[in-house]
């Protein structure tokens, strides 16, 4: 799951037709360009959550291209020149099993409800792939009129099919749409119950649309928190994934030491990006399947 927030938590992603269209367009173009499969996506006013499958090890290039392209559009749309995204590194969390994909998918899709912005997911005026998932259809967008040239090489429209990996389908014995629908309804009921107990109301769709894009939340931002790299319900599978990451780092460091010593034939572990692309390093291949 990818998460990236806007600079200073400002509402640069505040929903409006041009922003929503541009987000889907840039995501679709980037996904097609780098052969990334998108499982789900959802924006809030100052961040987005997107679940993807990196088929060919192109995630770093995909992230750079997508975030840069969308940021340039939004800055042109708003008449800005400064940084659009926060300077911190994009959060990328490995979802170990099907249930973990399902959990994060529901988390992302119900984010506007859990944060008490709207009562129902379909009330949210921003990008949210729930309806497309339930209807088994792609997200579609047209080339934005801002920033993109009419006679340029970018496609006039873009389509973003939503991928359902086998692990996710196996975690939904009653079917993906049915399971998602039940989980979303449960999240909406729990959020409503919490508001009733606390005597509070939602922000509301109209208030969201009336927010100024340069505003930011009044709440204080949490600082110095852990940034997870792995998400798993199962403790042992999480430990296994963390140990696998440690083994990868150890193999990478050993290969790098040999590479710097002049052994150019050393094999780096699969997933090595920078040295493979920019220094011609040889890398192991990922077994098919």
Protein backbone atom coordinates (compact mmCIF):
# COMPACT_ATOMS: atom_id res chain seq x y z
CA UNK A 1 0.00 0.00 0.00
CA UNK A 2 1.32 3.40 -1.04
CA UNK A 3 0.57 6.44 1.10
CA UNK A 4 1.74 9.96 0.34
CA UNK A 5 0.63 13.21 1.91
CA UNK A 6 0.73 16.78 0.70
CA UNK A 7 3.25 19.33 1.90
CA UNK A 8 2.41 20.73 5.34
CA UNK A 9 -0.76 18.58 5.29
CA UNK A 10 -2.43 21.20 3.09
CA UNK A 11 -5.58 20.37 1.18
CA UNK A 12 -3.93 20.26 -2.24
CA UNK A 13 -6.04 17.17 -3.03
CA UNK A 14 -9.29 18.83 -2.00
CA UNK A 15 -11.95 17.22 -4.21
CA UNK A 16 -13.18 18.99 -7.31
CA UNK A 17 -13.84 17.67 -10.84
CA UNK A 18 -10.48 18.79 -12.25
CA UNK A 19 -8.45 17.37 -9.37
CA UNK A 20 -10.33 14.06 -9.33
CA UNK A 21 -9.99 13.64 -13.09
CA UNK A 22 -6.28 14.52 -13.07
CA UNK A 23 -5.51 12.10 -10.22
CA UNK A 24 -7.15 9.17 -12.03
CA UNK A 25 -5.60 10.19 -15.37
CA UNK A 26 -2.05 10.46 -14.00
CA UNK A 27 -2.40 7.23 -12.00
CA UNK A 28 -3.75 5.34 -15.02
CA UNK A 29 -1.06 6.64 -17.39
CA UNK A 30 1.72 5.87 -14.89
CA UNK A 31 0.36 2.39 -14.16
CA UNK A 32 0.20 1.55 -17.86
CA UNK A 33 3.64 2.98 -18.56
CA UNK A 34 5.34 0.93 -15.82
CA UNK A 35 3.06 -2.14 -15.90
CA UNK A 36 1.82 -1.62 -12.36
CA UNK A 37 -1.45 -3.28 -11.37
CA UNK A 38 -3.67 -1.10 -9.18
CA UNK A 39 -5.92 -2.85 -6.66
CA UNK A 40 -7.57 0.17 -5.05
CA UNK A 41 -7.14 3.90 -4.64
CA UNK A 42 -8.66 6.66 -2.59
CA UNK A 43 -7.83 10.29 -1.90
CA UNK A 44 -8.45 12.48 1.08
CA UNK A 45 -7.96 16.25 0.94
CA UNK A 46 -4.28 15.99 1.83
CA UNK A 47 -3.13 12.43 1.11
CA UNK A 48 -3.86 9.32 -0.89
CA UNK A 49 -3.80 5.56 -0.29
CA UNK A 50 -3.25 3.29 -3.28
CA UNK A 51 -2.75 -0.47 -3.34
CA UNK A 52 -0.62 -1.87 -6.16
CA UNK A 53 1.13 -4.98 -7.41
CA UNK A 54 4.65 -4.30 -8.72
CA UNK A 55 4.95 -6.91 -11.47
CA UNK A 56 8.39 -6.11 -12.91
CA UNK A 57 10.18 -4.20 -10.16
CA UNK A 58 9.26 -0.78 -11.56
CA UNK A 59 7.74 0.69 -8.40
CA UNK A 60 10.36 3.44 -7.84
CA UNK A 61 9.97 4.72 -11.42
CA UNK A 62 6.18 4.47 -11.20
CA UNK A 63 6.06 6.45 -7.95
CA UNK A 64 8.35 9.15 -9.30
CA UNK A 65 6.46 9.51 -12.57
CA UNK A 66 2.96 9.45 -11.09
CA UNK A 67 3.64 11.81 -8.21
CA UNK A 68 5.65 14.22 -10.38
CA UNK A 69 3.06 14.30 -13.16
CA UNK A 70 0.15 14.90 -10.82
CA UNK A 71 2.05 17.49 -8.77
CA UNK A 72 2.89 19.47 -11.92
CA UNK A 73 -0.76 19.47 -12.95
CA UNK A 74 -1.97 20.59 -9.55
CA UNK A 75 0.61 23.35 -9.28
CA UNK A 76 -0.40 24.60 -12.71
CA UNK A 77 -4.06 24.38 -11.72
CA UNK A 78 -3.51 26.34 -8.49
CA UNK A 79 -0.87 28.73 -9.77
CA UNK A 80 1.75 27.33 -7.39
CA UNK A 81 5.49 26.76 -7.80
CA UNK A 82 6.62 25.20 -4.53
CA UNK A 83 6.73 21.56 -3.40
CA UNK A 84 3.41 19.77 -3.70
CA UNK A 85 4.20 16.60 -1.74
CA UNK A 86 5.73 16.35 1.72
CA UNK A 87 9.48 15.87 1.68
CA UNK A 88 9.30 12.60 3.62
CA UNK A 89 9.70 9.37 1.70
CA UNK A 90 6.56 7.80 0.26
CA UNK A 91 5.20 5.15 2.63
CA UNK A 92 5.28 1.73 0.97
CA UNK A 93 3.95 -1.14 3.09
CA UNK A 94 4.15 -4.77 1.98
CA UNK A 95 0.81 -6.53 2.42
CA UNK A 96 1.79 -10.09 3.22
CA UNK A 97 -1.41 -12.09 2.75
CA UNK A 98 -4.88 -11.82 1.24
CA UNK A 99 -6.50 -10.75 4.50
CA UNK A 100 -3.92 -7.99 4.84
CA UNK A 101 -4.72 -6.69 1.35
CA UNK A 102 -8.42 -6.80 2.23
CA UNK A 103 -7.89 -4.96 5.53
CA UNK A 104 -5.90 -2.14 3.93
CA UNK A 105 -8.30 -1.93 1.01
CA UNK A 106 -11.25 -1.45 3.36
CA UNK A 107 -9.18 0.99 5.44
CA UNK A 108 -8.41 3.14 2.38
CA UNK A 109 -11.92 3.05 0.95
CA UNK A 110 -13.60 3.91 4.27
CA UNK A 111 -11.08 6.56 5.31
CA UNK A 112 -13.54 9.46 4.78
CA UNK A 113 -16.05 7.65 7.02
CA UNK A 114 -13.63 6.65 9.77
CA UNK A 115 -12.34 10.23 9.92
CA UNK A 116 -15.97 11.42 10.28
CA UNK A 117 -15.86 13.53 7.15
CA UNK A 118 -18.95 11.91 5.60
CA UNK A 119 -21.50 9.34 6.79
CA UNK A 120 -21.25 7.01 3.79
CA UNK A 121 -18.37 6.24 1.47
CA UNK A 122 -20.42 7.19 -1.59
CA UNK A 123 -20.95 10.68 -0.08
CA UNK A 124 -17.22 11.40 -0.42
CA UNK A 125 -16.69 13.77 -3.40
CA UNK A 126 -13.07 12.75 -3.99
CA UNK A 127 -11.48 9.81 -5.75
CA UNK A 128 -12.57 6.45 -4.32
CA UNK A 129 -12.48 3.15 -6.18
CA UNK A 130 -15.25 1.47 -4.16
CA UNK A 131 -18.01 1.91 -6.75
CA UNK A 132 -15.74 0.71 -9.54
CA UNK A 133 -14.77 -2.36 -7.54
CA UNK A 134 -18.39 -3.24 -6.74
CA UNK A 135 -19.41 -2.78 -10.38
CA UNK A 136 -16.27 -4.55 -11.69
CA UNK A 137 -15.43 -1.68 -14.01
CA UNK A 138 -12.34 0.49 -14.56
CA UNK A 139 -11.87 4.08 -13.50
CA UNK A 140 -11.79 6.47 -16.46
CA UNK A 141 -10.45 9.97 -17.01
CA UNK A 142 -9.80 12.39 -19.84
CA UNK A 143 -6.59 14.31 -20.48
CA UNK A 144 -6.72 17.44 -18.29
CA UNK A 145 -6.86 20.75 -20.09
CA UNK A 146 -4.49 22.31 -17.55
CA UNK A 147 -0.73 21.64 -17.97
CA UNK A 148 -1.14 19.02 -20.74
CA UNK A 149 -0.85 20.20 -24.35
CA UNK A 150 -3.76 19.49 -26.66
CA UNK A 151 -1.33 18.46 -29.42
CA UNK A 152 0.98 16.56 -27.08
CA UNK A 153 1.82 12.87 -26.98
CA UNK A 154 -0.24 12.09 -23.89
CA UNK A 155 -3.41 10.06 -24.58
CA UNK A 156 -6.73 11.88 -24.83
CA UNK A 157 -8.24 9.53 -22.25
CA UNK A 158 -7.02 6.88 -19.83
CA UNK A 159 -8.58 3.81 -18.30
CA UNK A 160 -7.51 2.29 -14.99
CA UNK A 161 -8.59 -1.34 -14.56
CA UNK A 162 -8.69 -2.53 -10.97
CA UNK A 163 -6.76 -5.72 -10.31
CA UNK A 164 -7.87 -8.39 -7.85
CA UNK A 165 -4.89 -10.64 -7.00
CA UNK A 166 -5.53 -14.28 -6.19
CA UNK A 167 -4.60 -13.76 -2.53
CA UNK A 168 -7.32 -11.14 -2.19
CA UNK A 169 -9.94 -13.31 -3.90
CA UNK A 170 -9.03 -16.27 -1.67
CA UNK A 171 -9.66 -14.07 1.37
CA UNK A 172 -13.20 -13.38 0.09
CA UNK A 173 -14.99 -16.78 -0.04
CA UNK A 174 -18.33 -15.04 -0.63
CA UNK A 175 -16.95 -13.01 -3.51
CA UNK A 176 -14.94 -9.78 -3.57
CA UNK A 177 -17.86 -7.40 -4.12
CA UNK A 178 -20.01 -9.02 -1.43
CA UNK A 179 -17.17 -9.05 1.11
CA UNK A 180 -16.19 -5.45 0.42
CA UNK A 181 -19.80 -4.32 0.63
CA UNK A 182 -20.22 -6.00 4.04
CA UNK A 183 -16.95 -4.66 5.42
CA UNK A 184 -17.70 -1.12 4.25
CA UNK A 185 -21.22 -1.22 5.73
CA UNK A 186 -19.76 -2.42 9.04
CA UNK A 187 -17.23 0.43 9.07
CA UNK A 188 -20.00 2.95 8.38
CA UNK A 189 -22.11 1.57 11.26
CA UNK A 190 -19.18 1.63 13.70
CA UNK A 191 -18.33 5.21 12.77
CA UNK A 192 -21.97 6.26 13.23
CA UNK A 193 -22.07 4.56 16.63
CA UNK A 194 -18.90 6.37 17.69
CA UNK A 195 -20.31 9.73 16.66
CA UNK A 196 -23.54 9.04 18.54
CA UNK A 197 -21.65 8.15 21.72
CA UNK A 198 -19.45 11.23 21.44
CA UNK A 199 -22.25 13.57 20.39
CA UNK A 200 -20.53 14.71 17.23
CA UNK A 201 -21.46 15.02 13.56
CA UNK A 202 -19.65 14.61 10.27
CA UNK A 203 -17.94 17.48 8.49
CA UNK A 204 -20.19 16.93 5.49
CA UNK A 205 -19.76 16.91 1.73
CA UNK A 206 -20.62 20.60 1.30
CA UNK A 207 -18.05 21.70 3.87
CA UNK A 208 -15.36 19.60 2.18
CA UNK A 209 -16.09 21.17 -1.19
CA UNK A 210 -16.00 24.63 0.38
CA UNK A 211 -12.57 24.12 1.94
CA UNK A 212 -9.81 26.25 0.47
CA UNK A 213 -7.11 24.14 -1.14
CA UNK A 214 -4.40 25.99 0.79
CA UNK A 215 -5.92 25.27 4.20
CA UNK A 216 -4.71 22.49 6.49
CA UNK A 217 -6.10 20.55 9.48
CA UNK A 218 -6.08 22.34 12.82
CA UNK A 219 -5.07 19.18 14.65
CA UNK A 220 -1.39 18.68 15.44
CA UNK A 221 0.53 16.24 13.30
CA UNK A 222 1.93 13.15 15.06
CA UNK A 223 5.71 13.21 15.10
CA UNK A 224 8.51 10.65 15.45
CA UNK A 225 6.31 7.63 14.88
CA UNK A 226 7.40 4.31 13.45
CA UNK A 227 7.04 3.90 9.70
CA UNK A 228 6.01 0.28 9.08
CA UNK A 229 7.26 -1.64 6.06
CA UNK A 230 5.12 -4.75 6.53
CA UNK A 231 1.48 -5.33 7.45
CA UNK A 232 0.13 -8.73 8.47
CA UNK A 233 -2.56 -10.02 10.82
CA UNK A 234 -0.52 -13.15 11.46
CA UNK A 235 2.37 -12.47 13.82
CA UNK A 236 4.50 -15.32 12.47
CA UNK A 237 3.98 -14.32 8.85
CA UNK A 238 4.91 -10.76 9.79
CA UNK A 239 8.09 -11.99 11.49
CA UNK A 240 8.84 -14.14 8.45
CA UNK A 241 8.45 -11.14 6.14
CA UNK A 242 10.68 -8.96 8.33
CA UNK A 243 13.34 -11.70 8.44
CA UNK A 244 13.10 -11.99 4.65
CA UNK A 245 13.74 -8.24 4.37
CA UNK A 246 16.74 -8.51 6.70
CA UNK A 247 18.16 -11.35 4.60
CA UNK A 248 17.70 -9.24 1.47
CA UNK A 249 19.56 -6.32 3.02
CA UNK A 250 22.42 -8.59 4.09
CA UNK A 251 22.68 -10.06 0.58
CA UNK A 252 22.58 -6.59 -0.95
CA UNK A 253 25.34 -5.26 1.33
CA UNK A 254 27.59 -8.25 0.54
CA UNK A 255 27.01 -7.82 -3.20
CA UNK A 256 27.62 -4.08 -2.99
CA UNK A 257 30.93 -4.58 -1.18
CA UNK A 258 32.10 -6.92 -3.95
CA UNK A 259 30.81 -4.55 -6.63
CA UNK A 260 32.73 -1.63 -5.14
CA UNK A 261 35.80 -3.86 -4.96
CA UNK A 262 35.62 -4.30 -8.72
CA UNK A 263 33.71 -7.58 -9.04
CA UNK A 264 31.22 -6.45 -11.68
CA UNK A 265 29.80 -9.95 -12.21
CA UNK A 266 28.38 -10.21 -8.69
CA UNK A 267 24.64 -10.91 -8.61
CA UNK A 268 22.54 -8.49 -6.59
CA UNK A 269 19.30 -9.80 -5.05
CA UNK A 270 16.10 -9.40 -7.07
CA UNK A 271 14.52 -6.03 -6.31
CA UNK A 272 17.73 -4.01 -6.55
CA UNK A 273 16.80 -0.88 -8.44
CA UNK A 274 19.30 1.98 -8.62
CA UNK A 275 22.44 -0.01 -9.35
CA UNK A 276 20.57 -2.16 -11.89
CA UNK A 277 19.26 0.88 -13.78
CA UNK A 278 22.15 3.32 -13.47
CA UNK A 279 25.30 1.25 -12.92
CA UNK A 280 24.59 -1.84 -15.01
CA UNK A 281 24.65 -4.21 -12.06
CA UNK A 282 23.54 -7.78 -12.68
CA UNK A 283 20.52 -8.90 -10.65
CA UNK A 284 18.91 -12.20 -9.88
CA UNK A 285 15.53 -12.77 -11.51
CA UNK A 286 12.28 -13.34 -9.64
CA UNK A 287 10.91 -16.85 -10.28
CA UNK A 288 7.68 -16.84 -12.30
CA UNK A 289 4.55 -17.00 -10.13
